[in-house]
C-alpha cells in the first residue's frame, strides 16, 4: 500500500494558533497630531532650507534669481545658513591645509592627500630625474578661488595641479645631477619653487605654504654611477677626516703632555716654595729663640753683676754678718776648736769679725 502524499497547506490551515494578537486602536488627540505635523514641517524645512557649513569649510552662496544674483562675496563660516531651493545654492570649499602628493608610490602617501604622478625633471646637465614632492597649501580667499577657478574640486584640477610640475621643472631643473644630493642647494631651489607657485596662485586665492622634496630617483645606470661616485667621494672624505682626526689626536696628546709637564713643574715649584717657607720659618723661630735666650742670659748676667756690685758697697760686711748670725741662730750645737791658730772663740767678738772679714763700723 502506497502512502498518500501529505498536503502541507491543509496541515498549516488546520493548526490553531496558541493565542491571538489583540488589536490595539490608538487614538491621538488633536494637539498631538498638530505637534507631529509641526515637527515634520520643521524637519522638512531644516533639510530643505538650511545648509550646514562645517568648521573646516568655507561657504560660498550663489543666487540664481533676483536682483543680487550671481556669486556673493560674503564668505560663510561654520554654522547653519538659510538657502532657498531653486533660487540659492551653497557651495563649500575646504578651509584646512590641503596636500598634493606628486609620487610614484601612491601607497606611501597620506590617504586624504590628492595624489598625482611624480615630477619628471631634466637636470641642467641633461639627465632626467623623478622627484617625489609634497606640496602643502590652503585656500586663502574662497571667493577668488570660486570666481577664477571654479567650485568643488576644481581648485585642484584647474589650480594647483597644472602649476606644480612646471614650477618644479623651472626651479629644480637648474640643478645638476650631483646638486640634488646637496641639501642646501636643493632646499634653495625648492623655496624658489614655492615662491613661483605663490606668484601664480595667490591672485587666484590659493597660498602654498611648503614644498617638500621627499625622494628622487635617476635611471638605474645613472643611479649606479652616482652612487659609486658618491661612495668614492665619501671614502676620500672619510680618509681626509681620519687624517684630520689623527692630527687632532696628536695635537691633543701634545697638549695633554705639555699640560702634565706644566702641572709637574708647578707642583715642584710649589713644593720648593713650601720647603723654602718652612726653612725660613724654622730660621726665624731659631733666631728669635736665640735672641730671647741671649736676652735672658744677659739679664741674668746683669743681675749677678748688680748683685755683686751691691755686695761690694757700704754695709755689705754687716749684711754678711747678719746672714751668718742667722746661720748661727739656726744651729743648736756647733763644735769648733777653741785653741790654736784656727781656733774660734765665740766670746771673742773681734776674732769673729776678723774671721768673717767684717770691718769695724766706720771703716772704709
Protein backbone atom coordinates (compact mmCIF):
# COMPACT_ATOMS: atom_id res chain seq x y z
CA UNK A 1 0.00 0.00 0.00
CA UNK A 2 1.37 3.32 -1.03
CA UNK A 3 1.16 6.20 1.46
CA UNK A 4 -0.86 9.22 0.36
CA UNK A 5 1.13 12.41 -0.16
CA UNK A 6 0.97 14.99 2.66
CA UNK A 7 -0.72 18.29 1.86
CA UNK A 8 1.28 20.81 3.89
CA UNK A 9 -1.08 23.67 3.01
CA UNK A 10 -4.05 21.92 4.58
CA UNK A 11 -1.94 20.92 7.56
CA UNK A 12 -0.97 24.54 8.23
CA UNK A 13 -4.58 25.69 7.94
CA UNK A 14 -5.68 23.09 10.49
CA UNK A 15 -3.06 24.23 13.01
CA UNK A 16 -4.67 26.53 15.57
CA UNK A 17 -2.50 29.32 16.90
CA UNK A 18 -1.86 29.14 20.66
CA UNK A 19 -3.06 32.75 21.11
CA UNK A 20 -4.37 35.69 19.13
CA UNK A 21 -2.62 39.05 18.96
CA UNK A 22 -5.03 41.64 20.27
CA UNK A 23 -5.78 44.61 18.07
CA UNK A 24 -4.99 47.90 19.76
CA UNK A 25 -6.60 51.04 18.48
CA UNK A 26 -4.50 54.17 19.13
CA UNK A 27 -6.39 57.39 19.13
CA UNK A 28 -4.28 60.55 19.06
CA UNK A 29 -5.57 63.81 20.30
CA UNK A 30 -5.77 66.83 18.06
CA UNK A 31 -2.88 68.55 19.87
CA UNK A 32 -0.54 65.60 19.38
CA UNK A 33 -1.42 65.38 15.72
CA UNK A 34 -0.71 69.09 15.34
CA UNK A 35 2.63 68.68 17.12
CA UNK A 36 3.60 65.83 14.79
CA UNK A 37 2.71 67.93 11.78
CA UNK A 38 4.77 70.86 13.11
CA UNK A 39 7.78 68.60 13.74
CA UNK A 40 7.51 67.17 10.24
CA UNK A 41 7.37 70.66 8.77
CA UNK A 42 10.39 71.75 10.86
CA UNK A 43 12.41 68.71 9.80
CA UNK A 44 11.48 69.27 6.18
CA UNK A 45 12.44 72.95 6.41
CA UNK A 46 15.70 72.07 8.16
CA UNK A 47 16.67 69.61 5.46
CA UNK A 48 15.50 71.78 2.57
CA UNK A 49 16.12 75.38 3.65
CA UNK A 50 19.22 75.11 5.88
CA UNK A 51 22.72 74.15 4.84
CA UNK A 52 25.37 73.35 7.45
CA UNK A 53 28.90 74.60 6.83
CA UNK A 54 31.40 72.57 8.84
CA UNK A 55 34.26 74.15 10.88
CA UNK A 56 36.87 73.13 8.29
CA UNK A 57 34.90 74.57 5.36
CA UNK A 58 34.13 77.86 3.64
CA UNK A 59 30.68 78.56 2.25
CA UNK A 60 30.05 80.49 -0.99
CA UNK A 61 26.45 81.31 -1.85
CA UNK A 62 25.25 81.65 -5.44
CA UNK A 63 21.95 83.46 -6.09
CA UNK A 64 20.35 82.35 -9.35
CA UNK A 65 17.33 84.65 -9.35
CA UNK A 66 16.67 88.14 -8.09
CA UNK A 67 18.39 91.47 -8.01
CA UNK A 68 21.70 90.34 -6.44
CA UNK A 69 22.03 87.20 -8.47
CA UNK A 70 25.45 85.71 -9.04
CA UNK A 71 28.29 84.72 -6.70
CA UNK A 72 28.05 86.52 -3.37
CA UNK A 73 31.26 87.99 -1.97
CA UNK A 74 30.32 87.11 1.59
CA UNK A 75 32.20 84.06 2.86
CA UNK A 76 30.15 81.86 5.19
CA UNK A 77 31.87 80.15 8.10
CA UNK A 78 30.80 77.25 10.34
CA UNK A 79 27.11 77.08 11.15
CA UNK A 80 23.62 76.83 9.63
CA UNK A 81 22.79 79.12 6.75
CA UNK A 82 19.46 79.77 5.02
CA UNK A 83 19.36 78.66 1.39
CA UNK A 84 16.17 78.90 -0.67
CA UNK A 85 15.88 75.89 -3.00
CA UNK A 86 15.83 76.73 -6.68
CA UNK A 87 16.90 80.33 -6.04
CA UNK A 88 20.05 79.99 -3.97
CA UNK A 89 22.76 77.36 -3.71
CA UNK A 90 25.59 76.96 -1.18
CA UNK A 91 28.97 75.69 -2.38
CA UNK A 92 31.56 74.53 0.14
CA UNK A 93 35.35 74.67 -0.13
CA UNK A 94 37.93 73.17 2.27
CA UNK A 95 39.36 75.50 4.88
CA UNK A 96 42.17 73.37 6.31
CA UNK A 97 45.58 72.56 4.83
CA UNK A 98 45.48 70.55 1.61
CA UNK A 99 48.22 68.20 0.43
CA UNK A 100 49.20 67.41 -3.14
CA UNK A 101 51.44 64.36 -3.40
CA UNK A 102 53.48 64.01 -6.58
CA UNK A 103 54.78 60.47 -6.16
CA UNK A 104 55.46 57.26 -8.00
CA UNK A 105 54.36 55.29 -4.92
CA UNK A 106 50.77 56.34 -4.08
CA UNK A 107 50.52 53.80 -1.27
CA UNK A 108 53.14 55.77 0.69
CA UNK A 109 51.14 58.99 0.55
CA UNK A 110 48.53 60.11 3.07
CA UNK A 111 45.02 58.82 2.47
CA UNK A 112 43.47 62.30 2.46
CA UNK A 113 46.08 63.74 0.08
CA UNK A 114 45.45 64.40 -3.59
CA UNK A 115 47.82 62.10 -5.49
CA UNK A 116 49.42 62.61 -8.88
CA UNK A 117 52.41 61.22 -10.76
CA UNK A 118 55.95 62.14 -9.73
CA UNK A 119 57.55 65.22 -11.26
CA UNK A 120 59.76 64.28 -14.24
CA UNK A 121 62.57 66.86 -14.29
CA UNK A 122 65.56 67.29 -16.59
CA UNK A 123 68.68 68.50 -14.78
CA UNK A 124 70.95 71.22 -16.13
CA UNK A 125 73.49 68.60 -17.28
CA UNK A 126 70.90 66.74 -19.37
CA UNK A 127 69.82 63.84 -17.15
CA UNK A 128 66.25 63.04 -16.09
CA UNK A 129 65.16 62.51 -12.52
CA UNK A 130 61.79 61.57 -11.00
CA UNK A 131 61.10 63.61 -7.87
CA UNK A 132 58.51 62.82 -5.19
CA UNK A 133 57.22 66.12 -3.85
CA UNK A 134 54.66 67.06 -1.19
CA UNK A 135 53.00 70.46 -1.66
CA UNK A 136 51.11 71.85 1.32
CA UNK A 137 48.69 74.66 0.51
CA UNK A 138 45.43 76.20 1.63
CA UNK A 139 42.59 78.26 0.20
CA UNK A 140 43.26 81.81 1.35
CA UNK A 141 40.39 83.58 -0.44
CA UNK A 142 37.48 81.25 -1.31
CA UNK A 143 35.70 83.97 -3.32
CA UNK A 144 38.70 84.32 -5.66
CA UNK A 145 39.02 80.54 -5.94
CA UNK A 146 35.34 80.18 -6.79
CA UNK A 147 35.25 83.00 -9.34
CA UNK A 148 38.64 82.46 -11.02
CA UNK A 149 38.98 78.67 -10.86
CA UNK A 150 35.57 77.19 -10.09
CA UNK A 151 33.57 75.30 -7.44
CA UNK A 152 34.11 71.87 -5.95
CA UNK A 153 37.49 70.25 -6.53
CA UNK A 154 38.38 72.46 -9.49
CA UNK A 155 40.89 74.25 -7.24
CA UNK A 156 42.88 71.01 -7.53
CA UNK A 157 42.31 70.10 -11.18
CA UNK A 158 42.49 73.64 -12.60
CA UNK A 159 44.50 75.28 -9.82
CA UNK A 160 47.41 73.61 -8.06
CA UNK A 161 47.98 70.50 -10.21
CA UNK A 162 48.61 72.23 -13.59
CA UNK A 163 51.06 74.66 -11.95
CA UNK A 164 53.01 72.28 -9.70
CA UNK A 165 55.17 70.32 -12.14
CA UNK A 166 56.09 73.27 -14.42
CA UNK A 167 57.24 75.28 -11.39
CA UNK A 168 59.34 72.35 -10.17
CA UNK A 169 60.86 71.86 -13.62
CA UNK A 170 61.75 75.53 -13.84
CA UNK A 171 63.45 75.68 -10.44
CA UNK A 172 64.83 72.20 -9.77
CA UNK A 173 65.90 71.94 -13.42
CA UNK A 174 68.66 74.47 -12.64
CA UNK A 175 70.41 71.84 -10.51
CA UNK A 176 72.97 69.38 -11.82
CA UNK A 177 72.78 65.67 -11.17
CA UNK A 178 75.05 65.94 -8.15
CA UNK A 179 73.37 69.10 -6.86
CA UNK A 180 70.31 67.05 -5.95
CA UNK A 181 72.45 65.44 -3.25
CA UNK A 182 73.48 68.87 -1.96
CA UNK A 183 70.82 69.68 0.62
CA UNK A 184 71.39 73.47 0.88
CA UNK A 185 71.23 73.92 -2.91
CA UNK A 186 68.19 71.66 -3.22
CA UNK A 187 66.33 73.46 -0.43
CA UNK A 188 67.12 76.83 -2.01
CA UNK A 189 65.55 75.75 -5.32
CA UNK A 190 62.56 74.26 -3.51
CA UNK A 191 61.97 77.61 -1.80
CA UNK A 192 62.19 79.27 -5.21
CA UNK A 193 59.54 76.84 -6.49
CA UNK A 194 57.29 77.77 -3.58
CA UNK A 195 57.70 81.48 -4.36
CA UNK A 196 56.95 80.87 -8.04
CA UNK A 197 53.78 78.91 -7.20
CA UNK A 198 52.60 81.67 -4.88
CA UNK A 199 53.15 84.32 -7.56
CA UNK A 200 50.88 82.36 -9.88
CA UNK A 201 48.27 81.10 -7.40
CA UNK A 202 47.90 83.92 -4.86
CA UNK A 203 45.87 86.06 -7.33
CA UNK A 204 43.51 83.08 -7.57
CA UNK A 205 43.08 82.76 -3.79
CA UNK A 206 45.46 79.83 -3.13
CA UNK A 207 48.53 80.09 -0.90
CA UNK A 208 51.33 77.50 -0.97
CA UNK A 209 52.89 77.05 2.48
CA UNK A 210 55.50 74.33 1.96
CA UNK A 211 57.14 72.43 -0.88
CA UNK A 212 58.93 69.32 0.40
CA UNK A 213 61.13 67.00 -1.66
CA UNK A 214 60.61 63.51 -0.30
CA UNK A 215 62.65 61.36 -2.68
CA UNK A 216 64.28 61.48 -6.11
CA UNK A 217 65.32 58.71 -8.49
CA UNK A 218 67.50 58.60 -11.59
CA UNK A 219 67.63 55.77 -14.10
CA UNK A 220 69.29 52.58 -12.92
CA UNK A 221 72.54 53.24 -14.80
CA UNK A 222 72.82 56.86 -13.72
CA UNK A 223 71.83 55.99 -10.17
CA UNK A 224 74.53 53.32 -10.03
CA UNK A 225 77.21 55.69 -11.38
CA UNK A 226 76.19 58.42 -8.97
CA UNK A 227 76.20 56.05 -6.01
CA UNK A 228 79.64 54.72 -6.95
CA UNK A 229 80.98 58.25 -7.33
CA UNK A 230 79.40 59.28 -4.05
CA UNK A 231 80.91 56.26 -2.33
CA UNK A 232 84.34 57.22 -3.69
CA UNK A 233 83.82 60.81 -2.59
CA UNK A 234 82.72 59.63 0.81
CA UNK A 235 85.80 57.40 1.04
CA UNK A 236 88.00 60.40 0.21
CA UNK A 237 86.16 62.49 2.76
CA UNK A 238 86.47 59.67 5.27
CA UNK A 239 90.23 59.42 4.73
CA UNK A 240 90.57 63.19 4.99
CA UNK A 241 88.51 63.17 8.15
CA UNK A 242 90.61 60.30 9.52
CA UNK A 243 93.80 62.28 8.76
CA UNK A 244 92.40 65.36 10.45
CA UNK A 245 91.31 63.22 13.37
CA UNK A 246 94.82 61.74 13.67
CA UNK A 247 96.37 65.22 13.59
CA UNK A 248 93.91 66.47 16.14
CA UNK A 249 94.57 63.44 18.33
CA UNK A 250 98.33 64.03 18.13
CA UNK A 251 97.78 67.69 18.94
CA UNK A 252 95.58 66.66 21.83
CA UNK A 253 98.21 64.27 23.16
CA UNK A 254 100.83 67.02 22.82
CA UNK A 255 98.64 69.45 24.71
CA UNK A 256 97.92 66.85 27.40
CA UNK A 257 101.63 66.05 27.75
CA UNK A 258 102.54 69.73 27.93
CA UNK A 259 99.82 70.20 30.49
CA UNK A 260 101.13 67.34 32.59
CA UNK A 261 104.69 68.75 32.39
CA UNK A 262 103.38 72.16 33.36
CA UNK A 263 101.50 70.62 36.27
CA UNK A 264 104.60 68.72 37.41
CA UNK A 265 106.71 71.89 37.16
CA UNK A 266 104.14 73.85 39.09
CA UNK A 267 103.95 71.11 41.71
CA UNK A 268 107.75 71.08 42.06
CA UNK A 269 107.82 74.84 42.30
CA UNK A 270 105.08 74.69 44.88
CA UNK A 271 106.95 72.03 46.85
CA UNK A 272 110.16 74.10 46.69
CA UNK A 273 108.23 77.17 47.79
CA UNK A 274 106.76 75.24 50.73
CA UNK A 275 110.19 73.88 51.69
CA UNK A 276 111.72 77.36 51.45
CA UNK A 277 108.98 78.88 53.54
CA UNK A 278 109.31 76.12 56.16
CA UNK A 279 113.09 76.71 56.30
CA UNK A 280 112.54 80.44 56.61
CA UNK A 281 110.03 79.81 59.36
CA UNK A 282 112.43 77.50 61.23
CA UNK A 283 115.27 80.02 60.81
CA UNK A 284 113.04 82.79 62.08
CA UNK A 285 111.96 80.70 65.08
CA UNK A 286 115.54 79.70 65.91
CA UNK A 287 116.72 83.29 65.50
CA UNK A 288 114.02 84.60 67.76
CA UNK A 289 114.68 81.86 70.31
CA UNK A 290 118.44 82.62 70.24
CA UNK A 291 117.74 86.33 70.64
CA UNK A 292 115.42 85.57 73.54
CA UNK A 293 117.94 83.25 75.18
CA UNK A 294 120.64 85.89 74.72
CA UNK A 295 118.43 88.48 76.35
CA UNK A 296 117.71 86.11 79.23
CA UNK A 297 121.42 85.32 79.70
CA UNK A 298 122.33 88.99 79.54
CA UNK A 299 119.63 89.78 82.07
CA UNK A 300 120.87 87.05 84.38
CA UNK A 301 124.47 88.25 83.99
CA UNK A 302 123.32 91.78 84.66
CA UNK A 303 121.51 90.54 87.74
CA UNK A 304 124.66 88.82 89.02
CA UNK A 305 126.71 91.91 88.25
CA UNK A 306 124.30 94.16 90.05
CA UNK A 307 124.20 91.78 92.97
CA UNK A 308 127.98 91.65 93.14
CA UNK A 309 128.14 95.41 92.91
CA UNK A 310 125.65 95.64 95.73
CA UNK A 311 127.68 93.25 97.85
CA UNK A 312 130.79 95.36 97.32
CA UNK A 313 129.14 98.51 98.65
CA UNK A 314 128.82 100.00 102.17
CA UNK A 315 127.14 97.71 104.70
CA UNK A 316 127.89 94.53 102.79
CA UNK A 317 130.05 93.21 105.64
CA UNK A 318 127.28 93.78 108.10
CA UNK A 319 124.81 92.05 105.89
CA UNK A 320 127.17 89.05 105.70
CA UNK A 321 127.49 89.10 109.42
CA UNK A 322 123.75 89.22 109.86
CA UNK A 323 123.41 86.32 107.48
CA UNK A 324 125.99 84.37 109.44
CA UNK A 325 124.17 85.30 112.58
CA UNK A 326 121.04 83.85 111.12
CA UNK A 327 123.02 80.73 110.31
CA UNK A 328 124.26 80.51 113.84
CA UNK A 329 120.76 81.09 115.15
CA UNK A 330 119.53 78.02 113.42
CA UNK A 331 122.24 75.83 114.93
CA UNK A 332 121.59 74.01 118.17
CA UNK A 333 125.16 72.83 118.62
CA UNK A 334 128.42 73.54 116.85
CA UNK A 335 131.78 72.15 117.79
CA UNK A 336 134.73 74.32 116.88
CA UNK A 337 138.30 74.21 118.05
CA UNK A 338 138.90 76.93 120.57
CA UNK A 339 142.68 76.92 120.63
CA UNK A 340 145.34 77.13 118.01
CA UNK A 341 145.63 79.42 115.08
CA UNK A 342 142.25 78.41 113.60
CA UNK A 343 140.52 78.25 116.96
CA UNK A 344 137.21 80.01 117.30
CA UNK A 345 136.12 81.63 120.48
CA UNK A 346 132.55 82.81 120.08
CA UNK A 347 133.06 85.08 123.00
CA UNK A 348 135.88 86.86 121.21
CA UNK A 349 133.92 89.29 119.04
CA UNK A 350 136.97 90.83 117.45
CA UNK A 351 138.22 87.45 116.41
CA UNK A 352 134.75 86.59 114.92
CA UNK A 353 134.64 89.82 112.94
CA UNK A 354 138.10 89.19 111.68
CA UNK A 355 137.16 85.63 110.78
CA UNK A 356 134.26 86.81 108.60
CA UNK A 357 136.21 89.73 107.20
CA UNK A 358 133.87 92.30 108.71
CA UNK A 359 135.34 95.72 109.13
CA UNK A 360 134.55 97.73 112.12
CA UNK A 361 131.90 100.36 111.95
CA UNK A 362 133.04 103.47 110.20
CA UNK A 363 135.90 101.67 108.37
CA UNK A 364 136.07 102.17 104.64
